[in-house]
Amino acid sequence: MLWDLRKSRPLRHFRPHTSEVRSVRFSAGGHLLLTGSYDQTVKVTDVRDFQTDLTSSLVAHHRDKVIQCRWHPAEFSFITTSVDRTVGCWISTDRLRIDQTLE
């Protein structure tokens, strides 16, 4: 759920994952939401338009539960950690898909 703090009301309900969400981070510009879940996936959701249904894109996958995901402060890339004992560095050059995975 996205919440409007000023008006104390929900802005939008959506379920990008099939299991518990363990990590949620806004991008530096505030329009992308990075989420990591116990369903072993990391997704990005564009939250700029509240008039349409929010759609999430799968951008990373681990072999076990995702514990944390964090945006790079200046680049369109992020890191993830998982119960599978891996750290993923996900780098994108075109802002549309993740090009490289380093484990």
Protein backbone atom coordinates (compact mmCIF):
# COMPACT_ATOMS: atom_id res chain seq x y z
CA MET A 1 0.00 0.00 0.00
CA LEU A 2 1.23 3.48 -0.83
CA TRP A 3 0.14 5.98 1.81
CA ASP A 4 -0.43 9.74 1.53
CA LEU A 5 1.13 11.13 4.73
CA ARG A 6 -0.34 14.61 4.28
CA LYS A 7 -3.94 13.43 3.93
CA SER A 8 -3.59 10.29 6.10
CA ARG A 9 -5.14 8.01 3.51
CA PRO A 10 -4.06 5.23 1.16
CA LEU A 11 -3.10 6.27 -2.37
CA ARG A 12 -2.93 2.87 -3.97
CA HIS A 13 -3.13 -0.81 -3.01
CA PHE A 14 -1.13 -3.28 -5.05
CA ARG A 15 0.56 -6.67 -4.58
CA PRO A 16 3.75 -6.99 -6.61
CA HIS A 17 4.78 -10.22 -4.85
CA THR A 18 3.29 -13.58 -3.92
CA SER A 19 4.92 -13.71 -0.47
CA GLU A 20 6.11 -11.36 2.28
CA VAL A 21 7.84 -8.18 1.10
CA ARG A 22 11.05 -7.72 3.08
CA SER A 23 12.62 -4.65 1.46
CA VAL A 24 11.14 -1.51 -0.12
CA ARG A 25 13.15 1.40 -1.51
CA PHE A 26 12.27 4.44 -3.62
CA SER A 27 14.69 5.44 -6.36
CA ALA A 28 16.59 8.72 -6.02
CA GLY A 29 14.00 10.47 -8.20
CA GLY A 30 11.16 8.99 -6.16
CA HIS A 31 9.20 7.55 -9.08
CA LEU A 32 10.42 3.92 -9.02
CA LEU A 33 9.84 1.48 -6.19
CA LEU A 34 12.29 -1.42 -5.72
CA THR A 35 10.87 -4.34 -3.71
CA GLY A 36 12.40 -7.61 -2.55
CA SER A 37 10.39 -10.56 -1.26
CA TYR A 38 10.44 -13.99 0.28
CA ASP A 39 9.09 -15.17 -3.10
CA GLN A 40 12.76 -14.94 -4.25
CA THR A 41 12.15 -12.02 -6.60
CA VAL A 42 13.06 -8.34 -6.89
CA LYS A 43 10.66 -6.08 -8.76
CA VAL A 44 10.53 -2.47 -9.92
CA THR A 45 7.23 -0.59 -9.99
CA ASP A 46 6.73 2.81 -11.63
CA VAL A 47 4.60 4.76 -9.14
CA ARG A 48 4.26 8.06 -11.03
CA ASP A 49 0.73 7.46 -12.34
CA PHE A 50 -1.91 6.66 -9.73
CA GLN A 51 -4.76 6.80 -12.26
CA THR A 52 -3.85 3.43 -13.82
CA ASP A 53 -3.06 0.03 -12.34
CA LEU A 54 0.49 -0.19 -11.08
CA THR A 55 2.49 -2.83 -12.90
CA SER A 56 5.68 -4.36 -11.60
CA SER A 57 8.58 -5.70 -13.64
CA LEU A 58 10.67 -8.64 -12.50
CA VAL A 59 14.29 -7.41 -12.50
CA ALA A 60 16.13 -9.99 -10.38
CA HIS A 61 15.71 -13.47 -8.97
CA HIS A 62 17.51 -15.41 -6.23
CA ARG A 63 17.49 -19.11 -5.33
CA ASP A 64 16.05 -18.32 -1.88
CA LYS A 65 14.32 -15.48 0.00
CA VAL A 66 15.41 -11.91 -0.76
CA ILE A 67 16.40 -10.08 2.42
CA GLN A 68 17.43 -6.60 1.20
CA CYS A 69 17.61 -4.55 -1.98
CA ARG A 70 19.15 -1.08 -2.28
CA TRP A 71 19.42 1.41 -5.15
CA HIS A 72 22.77 2.86 -6.10
CA PRO A 73 22.59 6.55 -5.10
CA ALA A 74 23.41 7.90 -8.58
CA GLU A 75 23.15 5.08 -11.15
CA PHE A 76 20.23 2.96 -12.32
CA SER A 77 21.53 -0.16 -10.58
CA PHE A 78 20.98 -1.92 -7.28
CA ILE A 79 22.29 -4.62 -4.98
CA THR A 80 20.40 -7.49 -3.36
CA THR A 81 21.09 -9.96 -0.58
CA SER A 82 19.45 -13.31 -0.08
CA VAL A 83 19.12 -16.23 2.32
CA ASP A 84 20.90 -18.23 -0.42
CA ARG A 85 24.08 -16.48 0.83
CA THR A 86 24.62 -14.43 -2.33
CA VAL A 87 24.90 -10.73 -3.02
CA GLY A 88 23.73 -9.60 -6.44
CA CYS A 89 24.96 -6.47 -8.19
CA TRP A 90 22.45 -5.62 -10.89
CA ILE A 91 23.59 -3.05 -13.45
CA SER A 92 21.56 -1.47 -16.24
CA THR A 93 22.81 0.74 -19.03
CA ASP A 94 19.47 1.35 -20.75
CA ARG A 95 17.17 1.91 -17.74
CA LEU A 96 14.85 -0.78 -19.08
CA ARG A 97 16.47 -4.10 -18.30
CA ILE A 98 19.23 -5.37 -16.08
CA ASP A 99 22.25 -6.28 -18.20
CA GLN A 100 24.70 -7.94 -15.87
CA THR A 101 24.62 -9.99 -12.70
CA LEU A 102 27.65 -10.37 -10.47
CA GLU A 103 27.57 -12.94 -7.69
